[in-house]
Amino acid sequence: SLPGQDLARQGLAIAAAGGHHLLLVGPPGCGKTVLAHQLPSL
């Protein structure tokens, strides 16, 4: 659970389910790298 990133978490679930490529754009420290590192486990 990342603060304020529910839509990003949903996008990561869609990427894992359908194999879709994902682009994350955001300021430093908003959780882009943390989200990416969680994808293999899903």
PDB file of all heavy atoms in Angstrom:
ATOM      1  N   SER A   1       0.838  -1.185   0.000  1.00  0.00           N
ATOM      2  CA  SER A   1       0.000   0.000   0.000  1.00  0.00           C
ATOM      3  C   SER A   1       0.878   1.241   0.000  1.00  0.00           C
ATOM      4  O   SER A   1       1.610   1.502   0.951  1.00  0.00           O
ATOM      5  CB  SER A   1      -0.909   0.004   1.230  1.00  0.00           C
ATOM      6  OG  SER A   1      -1.706   1.165   1.254  1.00  0.00           O
ATOM      7  N   LEU A   2       0.851   1.992  -1.125  1.00  0.00           N
ATOM      8  CA  LEU A   2       1.606   3.230  -1.225  1.00  0.00           C
ATOM      9  C   LEU A   2       0.660   4.408  -1.081  1.00  0.00           C
ATOM     10  O   LEU A   2      -0.437   4.400  -1.652  1.00  0.00           O
ATOM     11  CB  LEU A   2       2.333   3.303  -2.577  1.00  0.00           C
ATOM     12  CG  LEU A   2       3.458   2.286  -2.782  1.00  0.00           C
ATOM     13  CD1 LEU A   2       4.037   2.420  -4.172  1.00  0.00           C
ATOM     14  CD2 LEU A   2       4.543   2.475  -1.744  1.00  0.00           C
ATOM     15  N   PRO A   3       1.057   5.413  -0.336  1.00  0.00           N
ATOM     16  CA  PRO A   3       0.168   6.550  -0.094  1.00  0.00           C
ATOM     17  C   PRO A   3      -0.265   7.229  -1.389  1.00  0.00           C
ATOM     18  O   PRO A   3       0.570   7.685  -2.171  1.00  0.00           O
ATOM     19  CB  PRO A   3       1.026   7.491   0.768  1.00  0.00           C
ATOM     20  CG  PRO A   3       2.084   6.631   1.360  1.00  0.00           C
ATOM     21  CD  PRO A   3       2.342   5.555   0.366  1.00  0.00           C
ATOM     22  N   GLY A   4      -1.569   7.283  -1.626  1.00  0.00           N
ATOM     23  CA  GLY A   4      -2.110   8.023  -2.747  1.00  0.00           C
ATOM     24  C   GLY A   4      -1.849   7.430  -4.108  1.00  0.00           C
ATOM     25  O   GLY A   4      -1.993   8.132  -5.115  1.00  0.00           O
ATOM     26  N   GLN A   5      -1.460   6.148  -4.206  1.00  0.00           N
ATOM     27  CA  GLN A   5      -1.118   5.560  -5.495  1.00  0.00           C
ATOM     28  C   GLN A   5      -2.004   4.362  -5.821  1.00  0.00           C
ATOM     29  O   GLN A   5      -1.538   3.356  -6.355  1.00  0.00           O
ATOM     30  CB  GLN A   5       0.363   5.141  -5.509  1.00  0.00           C
ATOM     31  CG  GLN A   5       1.357   6.241  -5.225  1.00  0.00           C
ATOM     32  CD  GLN A   5       1.312   7.368  -6.248  1.00  0.00           C
ATOM     33  OE1 GLN A   5       0.548   7.325  -7.198  1.00  0.00           O
ATOM     34  NE2 GLN A   5       2.130   8.391  -6.042  1.00  0.00           N
ATOM     35  N   ASP A   6      -3.282   4.450  -5.509  1.00  0.00           N
ATOM     36  CA  ASP A   6      -4.192   3.346  -5.795  1.00  0.00           C
ATOM     37  C   ASP A   6      -4.318   3.091  -7.290  1.00  0.00           C
ATOM     38  O   ASP A   6      -4.379   1.940  -7.739  1.00  0.00           O
ATOM     39  CB  ASP A   6      -5.574   3.639  -5.195  1.00  0.00           C
ATOM     40  CG  ASP A   6      -5.573   3.540  -3.673  1.00  0.00           C
ATOM     41  OD1 ASP A   6      -4.639   2.900  -3.149  1.00  0.00           O
ATOM     42  OD2 ASP A   6      -6.483   4.086  -3.035  1.00  0.00           O
ATOM     43  N   LEU A   7      -4.363   4.163  -8.091  1.00  0.00           N
ATOM     44  CA  LEU A   7      -4.481   3.990  -9.537  1.00  0.00           C
ATOM     45  C   LEU A   7      -3.222   3.336 -10.102  1.00  0.00           C
ATOM     46  O   LEU A   7      -3.298   2.497 -11.005  1.00  0.00           O
ATOM     47  CB  LEU A   7      -4.723   5.343 -10.210  1.00  0.00           C
ATOM     48  CG  LEU A   7      -5.029   5.286 -11.718  1.00  0.00           C
ATOM     49  CD1 LEU A   7      -6.281   4.465 -11.981  1.00  0.00           C
ATOM     50  CD2 LEU A   7      -5.171   6.693 -12.293  1.00  0.00           C
ATOM     51  N   ALA A   8      -2.064   3.682  -9.560  1.00  0.00           N
ATOM     52  CA  ALA A   8      -0.817   3.068 -10.011  1.00  0.00           C
ATOM     53  C   ALA A   8      -0.786   1.584  -9.668  1.00  0.00           C
ATOM     54  O   ALA A   8      -0.319   0.764 -10.471  1.00  0.00           O
ATOM     55  CB  ALA A   8       0.370   3.781  -9.372  1.00  0.00           C
ATOM     56  N   ARG A   9      -1.290   1.240  -8.503  1.00  0.00           N
ATOM     57  CA  ARG A   9      -1.337  -0.166  -8.111  1.00  0.00           C
ATOM     58  C   ARG A   9      -2.281  -0.941  -9.017  1.00  0.00           C
ATOM     59  O   ARG A   9      -2.033  -2.089  -9.385  1.00  0.00           O
ATOM     60  CB  ARG A   9      -1.765  -0.284  -6.646  1.00  0.00           C
ATOM     61  CG  ARG A   9      -0.745   0.301  -5.680  1.00  0.00           C
ATOM     62  CD  ARG A   9      -1.295   0.499  -4.276  1.00  0.00           C
ATOM     63  NE  ARG A   9      -1.625  -0.776  -3.661  1.00  0.00           N
ATOM     64  CZ  ARG A   9      -2.824  -1.066  -3.174  1.00  0.00           C
ATOM     65  NH1 ARG A   9      -3.816  -0.181  -3.261  1.00  0.00           N
ATOM     66  NH2 ARG A   9      -3.040  -2.234  -2.610  1.00  0.00           N
ATOM     67  N   GLN A  10      -3.378  -0.324  -9.408  1.00  0.00           N
ATOM     68  CA  GLN A  10      -4.292  -0.966 -10.345  1.00  0.00           C
ATOM     69  C   GLN A  10      -3.627  -1.145 -11.705  1.00  0.00           C
ATOM     70  O   GLN A  10      -3.775  -2.190 -12.348  1.00  0.00           O
ATOM     71  CB  GLN A  10      -5.559  -0.132 -10.500  1.00  0.00           C
ATOM     72  CG  GLN A  10      -6.586  -0.764 -11.437  1.00  0.00           C
ATOM     73  CD  GLN A  10      -7.817   0.116 -11.618  1.00  0.00           C
ATOM     74  OE1 GLN A  10      -7.972   1.119 -10.943  1.00  0.00           O
ATOM     75  NE2 GLN A  10      -8.680  -0.276 -12.539  1.00  0.00           N
ATOM     76  N   GLY A  11      -2.871  -0.141 -12.138  1.00  0.00           N
ATOM     77  CA  GLY A  11      -2.156  -0.266 -13.408  1.00  0.00           C
ATOM     78  C   GLY A  11      -1.134  -1.381 -13.378  1.00  0.00           C
ATOM     79  O   GLY A  11      -0.942  -2.097 -14.367  1.00  0.00           O
ATOM     80  N   LEU A  12      -0.473  -1.560 -12.234  1.00  0.00           N
ATOM     81  CA  LEU A  12       0.509  -2.634 -12.118  1.00  0.00           C
ATOM     82  C   LEU A  12      -0.172  -3.999 -12.181  1.00  0.00           C
ATOM     83  O   LEU A  12       0.353  -4.950 -12.775  1.00  0.00           O
ATOM     84  CB  LEU A  12       1.277  -2.481 -10.808  1.00  0.00           C
ATOM     85  CG  LEU A  12       2.691  -3.061 -10.788  1.00  0.00           C
ATOM     86  CD1 LEU A  12       3.566  -2.333 -11.768  1.00  0.00           C
ATOM     87  CD2 LEU A  12       3.281  -2.969  -9.388  1.00  0.00           C
ATOM     88  N   ALA A  13      -1.348  -4.122 -11.570  1.00  0.00           N
ATOM     89  CA  ALA A  13      -2.095  -5.384 -11.641  1.00  0.00           C
ATOM     90  C   ALA A  13      -2.524  -5.682 -13.069  1.00  0.00           C
ATOM     91  O   ALA A  13      -2.468  -6.830 -13.522  1.00  0.00           O
ATOM     92  CB  ALA A  13      -3.313  -5.311 -10.715  1.00  0.00           C
ATOM     93  N   ILE A  14      -2.947  -4.663 -13.818  1.00  0.00           N
ATOM     94  CA  ILE A  14      -3.334  -4.862 -15.221  1.00  0.00           C
ATOM     95  C   ILE A  14      -2.127  -5.277 -16.052  1.00  0.00           C
ATOM     96  O   ILE A  14      -2.222  -6.173 -16.905  1.00  0.00           O
ATOM     97  CB  ILE A  14      -3.971  -3.575 -15.776  1.00  0.00           C
ATOM     98  CG1 ILE A  14      -5.288  -3.281 -15.053  1.00  0.00           C
ATOM     99  CG2 ILE A  14      -4.210  -3.684 -17.273  1.00  0.00           C
ATOM    100  CD1 ILE A  14      -5.913  -1.951 -15.434  1.00  0.00           C
ATOM    101  N   ALA A  15      -0.983  -4.634 -15.797  1.00  0.00           N
ATOM    102  CA  ALA A  15       0.237  -4.995 -16.522  1.00  0.00           C
ATOM    103  C   ALA A  15       0.634  -6.442 -16.253  1.00  0.00           C
ATOM    104  O   ALA A  15       1.037  -7.169 -17.168  1.00  0.00           O
ATOM    105  CB  ALA A  15       1.373  -4.055 -16.121  1.00  0.00           C
ATOM    106  N   ALA A  16       0.502  -6.888 -15.001  1.00  0.00           N
ATOM    107  CA  ALA A  16       0.864  -8.267 -14.653  1.00  0.00           C
ATOM    108  C   ALA A  16      -0.107  -9.267 -15.280  1.00  0.00           C
ATOM    109  O   ALA A  16       0.304 -10.340 -15.729  1.00  0.00           O
ATOM    110  CB  ALA A  16       0.889  -8.431 -13.138  1.00  0.00           C
ATOM    111  N   ALA A  17      -1.373  -8.927 -15.306  1.00  0.00           N
ATOM    112  CA  ALA A  17      -2.376  -9.872 -15.817  1.00  0.00           C
ATOM    113  C   ALA A  17      -2.295 -10.015 -17.334  1.00  0.00           C
ATOM    114  O   ALA A  17      -2.332 -11.129 -17.860  1.00  0.00           O
ATOM    115  CB  ALA A  17      -3.777  -9.420 -15.401  1.00  0.00           C
ATOM    116  N   GLY A  18      -2.212  -8.895 -18.044  1.00  0.00           N
ATOM    117  CA  GLY A  18      -2.246  -8.947 -19.501  1.00  0.00           C
ATOM    118  C   GLY A  18      -0.914  -8.845 -20.186  1.00  0.00           C
ATOM    119  O   GLY A  18      -0.839  -8.890 -21.416  1.00  0.00           O
ATOM    120  N   GLY A  19       0.187  -8.694 -19.408  1.00  0.00           N
ATOM    121  CA  GLY A  19       1.508  -8.551 -20.004  1.00  0.00           C
ATOM    122  C   GLY A  19       1.712  -7.207 -20.673  1.00  0.00           C
ATOM    123  O   GLY A  19       2.555  -7.077 -21.564  1.00  0.00           O
ATOM    124  N   HIS A  20       0.965  -6.182 -20.264  1.00  0.00           N
ATOM    125  CA  HIS A  20       1.026  -4.879 -20.917  1.00  0.00           C
ATOM    126  C   HIS A  20       2.247  -4.091 -20.458  1.00  0.00           C
ATOM    127  O   HIS A  20       2.644  -4.146 -19.288  1.00  0.00           O
ATOM    128  CB  HIS A  20      -0.245  -4.075 -20.606  1.00  0.00           C
ATOM    129  CG  HIS A  20      -1.506  -4.750 -21.028  1.00  0.00           C
ATOM    130  ND1 HIS A  20      -1.894  -4.851 -22.349  1.00  0.00           N
ATOM    131  CD2 HIS A  20      -2.476  -5.384 -20.309  1.00  0.00           C
ATOM    132  CE1 HIS A  20      -3.049  -5.495 -22.417  1.00  0.00           C
ATOM    133  NE2 HIS A  20      -3.412  -5.838 -21.196  1.00  0.00           N
ATOM    134  N   HIS A  21       2.815  -3.320 -21.396  1.00  0.00           N
ATOM    135  CA  HIS A  21       3.933  -2.440 -21.064  1.00  0.00           C
ATOM    136  C   HIS A  21       3.410  -1.216 -20.329  1.00  0.00           C
ATOM    137  O   HIS A  21       2.342  -0.693 -20.651  1.00  0.00           O
ATOM    138  CB  HIS A  21       4.675  -2.019 -22.332  1.00  0.00           C
ATOM    139  CG  HIS A  21       5.144  -3.179 -23.158  1.00  0.00           C
ATOM    140  ND1 HIS A  21       5.785  -4.262 -22.602  1.00  0.00           N
ATOM    141  CD2 HIS A  21       5.067  -3.427 -24.493  1.00  0.00           C
ATOM    142  CE1 HIS A  21       6.089  -5.132 -23.566  1.00  0.00           C
ATOM    143  NE2 HIS A  21       5.660  -4.647 -24.710  1.00  0.00           N
ATOM    144  N   LEU A  22       4.205  -0.734 -19.367  1.00  0.00           N
ATOM    145  CA  LEU A  22       3.742   0.314 -18.460  1.00  0.00           C
ATOM    146  C   LEU A  22       4.752   1.448 -18.378  1.00  0.00           C
ATOM    147  O   LEU A  22       5.961   1.202 -18.248  1.00  0.00           O
ATOM    148  CB  LEU A  22       3.515  -0.287 -17.063  1.00  0.00           C
ATOM    149  CG  LEU A  22       3.163   0.660 -15.914  1.00  0.00           C
ATOM    150  CD1 LEU A  22       1.822   1.338 -16.167  1.00  0.00           C
ATOM    151  CD2 LEU A  22       3.119  -0.112 -14.601  1.00  0.00           C
ATOM    152  N   LEU A  23       4.269   2.666 -18.483  1.00  0.00           N
ATOM    153  CA  LEU A  23       5.091   3.856 -18.301  1.00  0.00           C
ATOM    154  C   LEU A  23       4.598   4.607 -17.066  1.00  0.00           C
ATOM    155  O   LEU A  23       3.410   4.946 -16.968  1.00  0.00           O
ATOM    156  CB  LEU A  23       5.011   4.773 -19.529  1.00  0.00           C
ATOM    157  CG  LEU A  23       5.658   6.156 -19.386  1.00  0.00           C
ATOM    158  CD1 LEU A  23       7.171   6.023 -19.179  1.00  0.00           C
ATOM    159  CD2 LEU A  23       5.367   7.027 -20.606  1.00  0.00           C
ATOM    160  N   LEU A  24       5.504   4.858 -16.126  1.00  0.00           N
ATOM    161  CA  LEU A  24       5.196   5.596 -14.905  1.00  0.00           C
ATOM    162  C   LEU A  24       5.919   6.935 -14.952  1.00  0.00           C
ATOM    163  O   LEU A  24       7.152   6.975 -15.081  1.00  0.00           O
ATOM    164  CB  LEU A  24       5.633   4.809 -13.669  1.00  0.00           C
ATOM    165  CG  LEU A  24       4.987   3.433 -13.473  1.00  0.00           C
ATOM    166  CD1 LEU A  24       5.647   2.698 -12.318  1.00  0.00           C
ATOM    167  CD2 LEU A  24       3.496   3.565 -13.233  1.00  0.00           C
ATOM    168  N   VAL A  25       5.168   8.010 -14.859  1.00  0.00           N
ATOM    169  CA  VAL A  25       5.739   9.353 -14.889  1.00  0.00           C
ATOM    170  C   VAL A  25       5.370  10.055 -13.592  1.00  0.00           C
ATOM    171  O   VAL A  25       4.185  10.133 -13.238  1.00  0.00           O
ATOM    172  CB  VAL A  25       5.211  10.161 -16.095  1.00  0.00           C
ATOM    173  CG1 VAL A  25       5.838  11.547 -16.114  1.00  0.00           C
ATOM    174  CG2 VAL A  25       5.499   9.433 -17.395  1.00  0.00           C
ATOM    175  N   GLY A  26       6.369  10.528 -12.881  1.00  0.00           N
ATOM    176  CA  GLY A  26       6.090  11.195 -11.615  1.00  0.00           C
ATOM    177  C   GLY A  26       7.325  11.822 -11.025  1.00  0.00           C
ATOM    178  O   GLY A  26       8.461  11.518 -11.446  1.00  0.00           O
ATOM    179  N   PRO A  27       7.159  12.689 -10.038  1.00  0.00           N
ATOM    180  CA  PRO A  27       8.303  13.370  -9.415  1.00  0.00           C
ATOM    181  C   PRO A  27       9.145  12.398  -8.598  1.00  0.00           C
ATOM    182  O   PRO A  27       8.707  11.281  -8.289  1.00  0.00           O
ATOM    183  CB  PRO A  27       7.634  14.417  -8.529  1.00  0.00           C
ATOM    184  CG  PRO A  27       6.288  13.849  -8.223  1.00  0.00           C
ATOM    185  CD  PRO A  27       5.872  13.098  -9.446  1.00  0.00           C
ATOM    186  N   PRO A  28      10.345  12.779  -8.238  1.00  0.00           N
ATOM    187  CA  PRO A  28      11.205  11.892  -7.426  1.00  0.00           C
ATOM    188  C   PRO A  28      10.538  11.515  -6.112  1.00  0.00           C
ATOM    189  O   PRO A  28       9.893  12.345  -5.454  1.00  0.00           O
ATOM    190  CB  PRO A  28      12.460  12.745  -7.197  1.00  0.00           C
ATOM    191  CG  PRO A  28      12.464  13.758  -8.289  1.00  0.00           C
ATOM    192  CD  PRO A  28      11.032  14.048  -8.592  1.00  0.00           C
ATOM    193  N   GLY A  29      10.687  10.254  -5.735  1.00  0.00           N
ATOM    194  CA  GLY A  29      10.202   9.783  -4.444  1.00  0.00           C
ATOM    195  C   GLY A  29       8.732   9.450  -4.388  1.00  0.00           C
ATOM    196  O   GLY A  29       8.203   9.207  -3.291  1.00  0.00           O
ATOM    197  N   CYS A  30       8.034   9.384  -5.523  1.00  0.00           N
ATOM    198  CA  CYS A  30       6.595   9.102  -5.495  1.00  0.00           C
ATOM    199  C   CYS A  30       6.283   7.607  -5.537  1.00  0.00           C
ATOM    200  O   CYS A  30       5.125   7.220  -5.443  1.00  0.00           O
ATOM    201  CB  CYS A  30       5.885   9.822  -6.639  1.00  0.00           C
ATOM    202  SG  CYS A  30       6.340   9.240  -8.277  1.00  0.00           S
ATOM    203  N   GLY A  31       7.301   6.747  -5.705  1.00  0.00           N
ATOM    204  CA  GLY A  31       7.074   5.304  -5.630  1.00  0.00           C
ATOM    205  C   GLY A  31       7.201   4.561  -6.939  1.00  0.00           C
ATOM    206  O   GLY A  31       6.790   3.400  -7.024  1.00  0.00           O
ATOM    207  N   LYS A  32       7.776   5.157  -7.987  1.00  0.00           N
ATOM    208  CA  LYS A  32       7.889   4.484  -9.292  1.00  0.00           C
ATOM    209  C   LYS A  32       8.735   3.214  -9.190  1.00  0.00           C
ATOM    210  O   LYS A  32       8.331   2.142  -9.658  1.00  0.00           O
ATOM    211  CB  LYS A  32       8.496   5.447 -10.321  1.00  0.00           C
ATOM    212  CG  LYS A  32       7.722   6.747 -10.519  1.00  0.00           C
ATOM    213  CD  LYS A  32       8.280   7.569 -11.644  1.00  0.00           C
ATOM    214  CE  LYS A  32       9.686   8.060 -11.401  1.00  0.00           C
ATOM    215  NZ  LYS A  32       9.772   9.037 -10.296  1.00  0.00           N
ATOM    216  N   THR A  33       9.900   3.327  -8.597  1.00  0.00           N
ATOM    217  CA  THR A  33      10.807   2.175  -8.507  1.00  0.00           C
ATOM    218  C   THR A  33      10.239   1.095  -7.594  1.00  0.00           C
ATOM    219  O   THR A  33      10.356  -0.106  -7.884  1.00  0.00           O
ATOM    220  CB  THR A  33      12.186   2.633  -7.993  1.00  0.00           C
ATOM    221  OG1 THR A  33      12.702   3.645  -8.869  1.00  0.00           O
ATOM    222  CG2 THR A  33      13.159   1.468  -7.951  1.00  0.00           C
ATOM    223  N   VAL A  34       9.613   1.488  -6.499  1.00  0.00           N
ATOM    224  CA  VAL A  34       9.014   0.509  -5.576  1.00  0.00           C
ATOM    225  C   VAL A  34       7.939  -0.293  -6.291  1.00  0.00           C
ATOM    226  O   VAL A  34       7.859  -1.523  -6.160  1.00  0.00           O
ATOM    227  CB  VAL A  34       8.428   1.229  -4.344  1.00  0.00           C
ATOM    228  CG1 VAL A  34       7.667   0.241  -3.464  1.00  0.00           C
ATOM    229  CG2 VAL A  34       9.524   1.900  -3.550  1.00  0.00           C
ATOM    230  N   LEU A  35       7.098   0.360  -7.069  1.00  0.00           N
ATOM    231  CA  LEU A  35       6.047  -0.335  -7.813  1.00  0.00           C
ATOM    232  C   LEU A  35       6.634  -1.305  -8.820  1.00  0.00           C
ATOM    233  O   LEU A  35       6.171  -2.445  -8.955  1.00  0.00           O
ATOM    234  CB  LEU A  35       5.148   0.684  -8.518  1.00  0.00           C
ATOM    235  CG  LEU A  35       4.176   1.464  -7.634  1.00  0.00           C
ATOM    236  CD1 LEU A  35       3.582   2.633  -8.405  1.00  0.00           C
ATOM    237  CD2 LEU A  35       3.066   0.559  -7.123  1.00  0.00           C
ATOM    238  N   ALA A  36       7.656  -0.874  -9.545  1.00  0.00           N
ATOM    239  CA  ALA A  36       8.256  -1.735 -10.574  1.00  0.00           C
ATOM    240  C   ALA A  36       8.851  -2.997  -9.973  1.00  0.00           C
ATOM    241  O   ALA A  36       8.727  -4.093 -10.547  1.00  0.00           O
ATOM    242  CB  ALA A  36       9.321  -0.957 -11.344  1.00  0.00           C
ATOM    243  N   HIS A  37       9.473  -2.879  -8.815  1.00  0.00           N
ATOM    244  CA  HIS A  37      10.115  -4.044  -8.196  1.00  0.00           C
ATOM    245  C   HIS A  37       9.088  -5.036  -7.644  1.00  0.00           C
ATOM    246  O   HIS A  37       9.458  -6.181  -7.358  1.00  0.00           O
ATOM    247  CB  HIS A  37      11.057  -3.591  -7.080  1.00  0.00           C
ATOM    248  CG  HIS A  37      12.392  -3.128  -7.578  1.00  0.00           C
ATOM    249  ND1 HIS A  37      13.476  -3.966  -7.690  1.00  0.00           N
ATOM    250  CD2 HIS A  37      12.815  -1.915  -8.017  1.00  0.00           C
ATOM    251  CE1 HIS A  37      14.511  -3.296  -8.152  1.00  0.00           C
ATOM    252  NE2 HIS A  37      14.132  -2.044  -8.367  1.00  0.00           N
ATOM    253  N   GLN A  38       7.838  -4.641  -7.514  1.00  0.00           N
ATOM    254  CA  GLN A  38       6.818  -5.561  -7.032  1.00  0.00           C
ATOM    255  C   GLN A  38       6.200  -6.402  -8.142  1.00  0.00           C
ATOM    256  O   GLN A  38       5.557  -7.416  -7.865  1.00  0.00           O
ATOM    257  CB  GLN A  38       5.700  -4.777  -6.330  1.00  0.00           C
ATOM    258  CG  GLN A  38       6.111  -4.113  -5.034  1.00  0.00           C
ATOM    259  CD  GLN A  38       4.942  -3.420  -4.383  1.00  0.00           C
ATOM    260  OE1 GLN A  38       3.972  -4.044  -3.970  1.00  0.00           O
ATOM    261  NE2 GLN A  38       5.009  -2.104  -4.307  1.00  0.00           N
ATOM    262  N   LEU A  39       6.399  -5.979  -9.389  1.00  0.00           N
ATOM    263  CA  LEU A  39       5.715  -6.652 -10.493  1.00  0.00           C
ATOM    264  C   LEU A  39       6.076  -8.133 -10.641  1.00  0.00           C
ATOM    265  O   LEU A  39       5.175  -8.957 -10.859  1.00  0.00           O
ATOM    266  CB  LEU A  39       5.987  -5.897 -11.797  1.00  0.00           C
ATOM    267  CG  LEU A  39       5.269  -6.412 -13.039  1.00  0.00           C
ATOM    268  CD1 LEU A  39       3.759  -6.475 -12.823  1.00  0.00           C
ATOM    269  CD2 LEU A  39       5.579  -5.534 -14.256  1.00  0.00           C
ATOM    270  N   PRO A  40       7.355  -8.558 -10.558  1.00  0.00           N
ATOM    271  CA  PRO A  40       7.653  -9.985 -10.748  1.00  0.00           C
ATOM    272  C   PRO A  40       6.907 -10.908  -9.791  1.00  0.00           C
ATOM    273  O   PRO A  40       6.523 -12.019 -10.150  1.00  0.00           O
ATOM    274  CB  PRO A  40       9.175 -10.060 -10.522  1.00  0.00           C
ATOM    275  CG  PRO A  40       9.670  -8.695 -10.829  1.00  0.00           C
ATOM    276  CD  PRO A  40       8.581  -7.765 -10.382  1.00  0.00           C
ATOM    277  N   SER A  41       6.675 -10.462  -8.549  1.00  0.00           N
ATOM    278  CA  SER A  41       5.988 -11.306  -7.578  1.00  0.00           C
ATOM    279  C   SER A  41       4.509 -11.474  -7.891  1.00  0.00           C
ATOM    280  O   SER A  41       3.863 -12.385  -7.367  1.00  0.00           O
ATOM    281  CB  SER A  41       6.155 -10.734  -6.163  1.00  0.00           C
ATOM    282  OG  SER A  41       5.555  -9.456  -6.073  1.00  0.00           O
ATOM    283  N   LEU A  42       3.968 -10.603  -8.748  1.00  0.00           N
ATOM    284  CA  LEU A  42       2.562 -10.711  -9.125  1.00  0.00           C
ATOM    285  C   LEU A  42       2.348 -11.586 -10.348  1.00  0.00           C
ATOM    286  O   LEU A  42       1.226 -12.010 -10.626  1.00  0.00           O
ATOM    287  CB  LEU A  42       1.984  -9.318  -9.399  1.00  0.00           C
ATOM    288  CG  LEU A  42       1.930  -8.356  -8.214  1.00  0.00           C
ATOM    289  CD1 LEU A  42       1.416  -7.002  -8.674  1.00  0.00           C
ATOM    290  CD2 LEU A  42       1.051  -8.904  -7.113  1.00  0.00           C
TER     291      LEU A  42
END
